[in-house]
Amino acid sequence: MNQHIHCIVNDCHYWQQGNKCSANEILVSTDDFGSRQPDRIDAAMASQLTPEAAGSCMSTCCKSYVTKGSDQAKVDGIKRMT
């Protein structure tokens, strides 16, 4: 499957010129889930997570965000702040 993920969050490690996301995997969640979970909960754990309804586009967020230049290791080897 050839997908193109577009992102306009330019302080994310995965952001590239042309507003492209270079992450191999992303986790999109509800805002409520995202606010309840620590940053270590990400795409690598997706199969273990329980799906939930968002109700609208405005109630979703990307949990795969990693701050550019952060100094703490993450499961996928990318550096992330906690």
N, C-alpha and C. Protein backbone atom coordinates (compact mmCIF):
# COMPACT_ATOMS: atom_id res chain seq x y z
N MET A 1 0.85 -1.17 0.00
CA MET A 1 0.00 0.00 0.00
C MET A 1 0.90 1.24 0.00
N ASN A 2 0.65 2.12 -0.92
CA ASN A 2 1.43 3.35 -1.03
C ASN A 2 0.59 4.51 -0.53
N GLN A 3 0.87 4.95 0.72
CA GLN A 3 0.09 6.03 1.30
C GLN A 3 0.94 7.28 1.44
N HIS A 4 0.28 8.40 1.43
CA HIS A 4 0.93 9.68 1.66
C HIS A 4 0.25 10.34 2.84
N ILE A 5 0.99 10.56 3.89
CA ILE A 5 0.45 11.22 5.08
C ILE A 5 0.92 12.67 5.04
N HIS A 6 0.01 13.57 5.11
CA HIS A 6 0.32 15.00 5.08
C HIS A 6 0.24 15.56 6.49
N CYS A 7 1.17 16.42 6.84
CA CYS A 7 1.25 16.97 8.19
C CYS A 7 1.76 18.41 8.12
N ILE A 8 1.14 19.29 8.87
CA ILE A 8 1.59 20.69 8.90
C ILE A 8 2.14 21.08 10.27
N VAL A 9 2.58 20.07 11.06
CA VAL A 9 3.19 20.32 12.37
C VAL A 9 4.70 20.26 12.19
N ASN A 10 5.31 21.42 11.88
CA ASN A 10 6.71 21.43 11.46
C ASN A 10 7.72 21.33 12.59
N ASP A 11 7.27 21.19 13.85
CA ASP A 11 8.25 20.94 14.91
C ASP A 11 8.26 19.46 15.31
N CYS A 12 7.65 18.61 14.48
CA CYS A 12 7.68 17.16 14.70
C CYS A 12 8.89 16.56 13.98
N HIS A 13 9.52 15.59 14.60
CA HIS A 13 10.68 14.91 14.02
C HIS A 13 10.36 14.34 12.63
N TYR A 14 9.15 13.84 12.43
CA TYR A 14 8.77 13.19 11.19
C TYR A 14 8.36 14.15 10.07
N TRP A 15 8.22 15.44 10.37
CA TRP A 15 7.79 16.40 9.36
C TRP A 15 8.89 16.61 8.33
N GLN A 16 8.50 16.64 7.05
CA GLN A 16 9.44 16.90 5.96
C GLN A 16 8.91 18.02 5.07
N GLN A 17 9.82 18.62 4.32
CA GLN A 17 9.44 19.66 3.36
C GLN A 17 8.25 19.18 2.53
N GLY A 18 7.40 20.10 2.16
CA GLY A 18 6.21 19.75 1.39
C GLY A 18 5.08 19.26 2.29
N ASN A 19 5.24 19.43 3.60
CA ASN A 19 4.24 19.01 4.59
C ASN A 19 3.92 17.52 4.50
N LYS A 20 4.97 16.71 4.49
CA LYS A 20 4.84 15.26 4.45
C LYS A 20 5.26 14.67 5.79
N CYS A 21 4.63 13.56 6.18
CA CYS A 21 5.01 12.82 7.38
C CYS A 21 5.88 11.65 6.95
N SER A 22 7.07 11.52 7.54
CA SER A 22 7.99 10.45 7.16
C SER A 22 7.95 9.26 8.13
N ALA A 23 7.04 9.25 9.09
CA ALA A 23 6.93 8.14 10.03
C ALA A 23 6.52 6.87 9.29
N ASN A 24 7.12 5.74 9.66
CA ASN A 24 6.73 4.46 9.07
C ASN A 24 5.33 4.05 9.50
N GLU A 25 4.96 4.42 10.72
CA GLU A 25 3.64 4.13 11.26
C GLU A 25 3.19 5.34 12.05
N ILE A 26 1.90 5.58 12.07
CA ILE A 26 1.35 6.64 12.91
C ILE A 26 0.17 6.08 13.69
N LEU A 27 -0.12 6.69 14.83
CA LEU A 27 -1.29 6.33 15.62
C LEU A 27 -2.17 7.56 15.72
N VAL A 28 -3.37 7.45 15.18
CA VAL A 28 -4.35 8.51 15.30
C VAL A 28 -5.34 8.06 16.36
N SER A 29 -5.60 8.94 17.32
CA SER A 29 -6.49 8.59 18.42
C SER A 29 -7.51 9.71 18.64
N THR A 30 -8.41 9.48 19.57
CA THR A 30 -9.31 10.55 19.97
C THR A 30 -8.51 11.51 20.86
N ASP A 31 -8.93 12.74 20.91
CA ASP A 31 -8.28 13.71 21.80
C ASP A 31 -8.33 13.23 23.24
N ASP A 32 -9.46 12.64 23.64
CA ASP A 32 -9.61 12.16 25.01
C ASP A 32 -8.58 11.08 25.33
N PHE A 33 -8.41 10.11 24.44
CA PHE A 33 -7.40 9.07 24.63
C PHE A 33 -6.01 9.69 24.69
N GLY A 34 -5.71 10.58 23.75
CA GLY A 34 -4.40 11.22 23.70
C GLY A 34 -4.06 11.97 24.97
N SER A 35 -5.04 12.61 25.58
CA SER A 35 -4.77 13.39 26.79
C SER A 35 -4.62 12.50 28.02
N ARG A 36 -5.14 11.27 27.96
CA ARG A 36 -5.05 10.35 29.10
C ARG A 36 -3.78 9.52 29.08
N GLN A 37 -3.12 9.40 27.95
CA GLN A 37 -2.01 8.47 27.80
C GLN A 37 -0.66 9.18 27.76
N PRO A 38 0.39 8.55 28.27
CA PRO A 38 1.73 9.12 28.17
C PRO A 38 2.25 9.02 26.73
N ASP A 39 3.27 9.77 26.41
CA ASP A 39 3.83 9.79 25.05
C ASP A 39 4.33 8.43 24.58
N ARG A 40 4.70 7.55 25.51
CA ARG A 40 5.22 6.24 25.10
C ARG A 40 4.16 5.36 24.44
N ILE A 41 2.88 5.70 24.59
CA ILE A 41 1.81 4.97 23.92
C ILE A 41 1.76 5.47 22.48
N ASP A 42 2.13 4.60 21.52
CA ASP A 42 2.26 5.03 20.13
C ASP A 42 1.93 3.88 19.19
N ALA A 43 2.21 4.05 17.92
CA ALA A 43 1.83 3.11 16.87
C ALA A 43 2.32 1.69 17.13
N ALA A 44 3.47 1.52 17.75
CA ALA A 44 4.00 0.18 18.01
C ALA A 44 3.06 -0.63 18.90
N MET A 45 2.19 0.03 19.65
CA MET A 45 1.27 -0.65 20.56
C MET A 45 -0.16 -0.71 20.02
N ALA A 46 -0.37 -0.30 18.79
CA ALA A 46 -1.73 -0.17 18.24
C ALA A 46 -2.56 -1.43 18.36
N SER A 47 -1.98 -2.59 18.13
CA SER A 47 -2.76 -3.83 18.17
C SER A 47 -3.25 -4.17 19.58
N GLN A 48 -2.67 -3.55 20.60
CA GLN A 48 -3.05 -3.82 21.99
C GLN A 48 -4.08 -2.81 22.51
N LEU A 49 -4.39 -1.80 21.74
CA LEU A 49 -5.27 -0.72 22.20
C LEU A 49 -6.73 -0.99 21.81
N THR A 50 -7.64 -0.47 22.60
CA THR A 50 -9.07 -0.63 22.35
C THR A 50 -9.58 0.54 21.52
N PRO A 51 -10.17 0.27 20.36
CA PRO A 51 -10.71 1.35 19.53
C PRO A 51 -11.83 2.09 20.25
N GLU A 52 -11.98 3.37 19.96
CA GLU A 52 -13.08 4.15 20.52
C GLU A 52 -13.55 5.15 19.48
N ALA A 53 -14.80 5.55 19.56
CA ALA A 53 -15.39 6.49 18.61
C ALA A 53 -14.98 7.93 18.94
N ALA A 54 -14.69 8.71 17.90
CA ALA A 54 -14.33 10.11 18.08
C ALA A 54 -15.56 11.02 17.96
N GLY A 55 -16.46 10.68 17.09
CA GLY A 55 -17.65 11.50 16.89
C GLY A 55 -17.48 12.58 15.85
N SER A 56 -16.25 13.11 15.71
CA SER A 56 -15.99 14.13 14.69
C SER A 56 -14.49 14.26 14.45
N CYS A 57 -14.14 14.84 13.35
CA CYS A 57 -12.74 15.08 13.01
C CYS A 57 -12.06 15.94 14.07
N MET A 58 -12.79 16.89 14.61
CA MET A 58 -12.24 17.81 15.60
C MET A 58 -11.86 17.13 16.91
N SER A 59 -12.26 15.88 17.09
CA SER A 59 -11.98 15.15 18.32
C SER A 59 -10.87 14.13 18.15
N THR A 60 -10.01 14.32 17.14
CA THR A 60 -8.92 13.37 16.90
C THR A 60 -7.56 14.05 16.98
N CYS A 61 -6.53 13.23 17.21
CA CYS A 61 -5.16 13.75 17.28
C CYS A 61 -4.18 12.68 16.84
N CYS A 62 -2.98 13.09 16.48
CA CYS A 62 -1.91 12.18 16.09
C CYS A 62 -1.03 11.91 17.31
N LYS A 63 -0.94 10.65 17.75
CA LYS A 63 -0.12 10.29 18.90
C LYS A 63 1.31 9.97 18.50
N SER A 64 1.65 10.07 17.23
CA SER A 64 3.00 9.73 16.78
C SER A 64 3.94 10.93 16.77
N TYR A 65 3.48 12.07 17.23
CA TYR A 65 4.29 13.29 17.28
C TYR A 65 5.54 13.06 18.13
N VAL A 66 6.67 13.48 17.61
CA VAL A 66 7.94 13.44 18.33
C VAL A 66 8.61 14.79 18.12
N THR A 67 8.93 15.49 19.18
CA THR A 67 9.54 16.82 19.09
C THR A 67 10.91 16.75 18.43
N LYS A 68 11.14 17.59 17.43
CA LYS A 68 12.46 17.67 16.80
C LYS A 68 13.50 17.99 17.86
N GLY A 69 14.62 17.27 17.83
CA GLY A 69 15.73 17.57 18.72
C GLY A 69 15.55 17.16 20.16
N SER A 70 14.49 16.42 20.50
CA SER A 70 14.31 16.01 21.89
C SER A 70 15.41 15.01 22.26
N ASP A 71 15.60 14.81 23.57
CA ASP A 71 16.77 14.03 24.00
C ASP A 71 16.43 12.76 24.78
N GLN A 72 15.25 12.23 24.63
CA GLN A 72 14.91 11.01 25.35
C GLN A 72 14.53 9.92 24.35
N ALA A 73 15.13 8.73 24.48
CA ALA A 73 14.90 7.66 23.53
C ALA A 73 13.47 7.13 23.61
N LYS A 74 12.95 6.72 22.47
CA LYS A 74 11.62 6.16 22.37
C LYS A 74 11.75 4.73 21.83
N VAL A 75 10.68 3.95 21.91
CA VAL A 75 10.69 2.56 21.48
C VAL A 75 11.22 2.39 20.06
N ASP A 76 10.84 3.26 19.13
CA ASP A 76 11.27 3.10 17.74
C ASP A 76 12.64 3.73 17.47
N GLY A 77 13.34 4.16 18.52
CA GLY A 77 14.66 4.74 18.36
C GLY A 77 14.66 6.24 18.13
N ILE A 78 13.50 6.82 17.92
CA ILE A 78 13.40 8.26 17.75
C ILE A 78 13.45 8.92 19.12
N LYS A 79 14.00 10.06 19.20
CA LYS A 79 14.09 10.79 20.47
C LYS A 79 12.78 11.51 20.74
N ARG A 80 12.31 11.47 21.95
CA ARG A 80 11.05 12.12 22.30
C ARG A 80 11.09 12.66 23.73
N MET A 81 10.46 13.78 23.93
CA MET A 81 10.33 14.34 25.28
C MET A 81 9.15 13.66 25.97
N THR A 82 9.20 13.51 27.28
CA THR A 82 8.07 12.92 28.00
C THR A 82 7.44 13.95 28.90
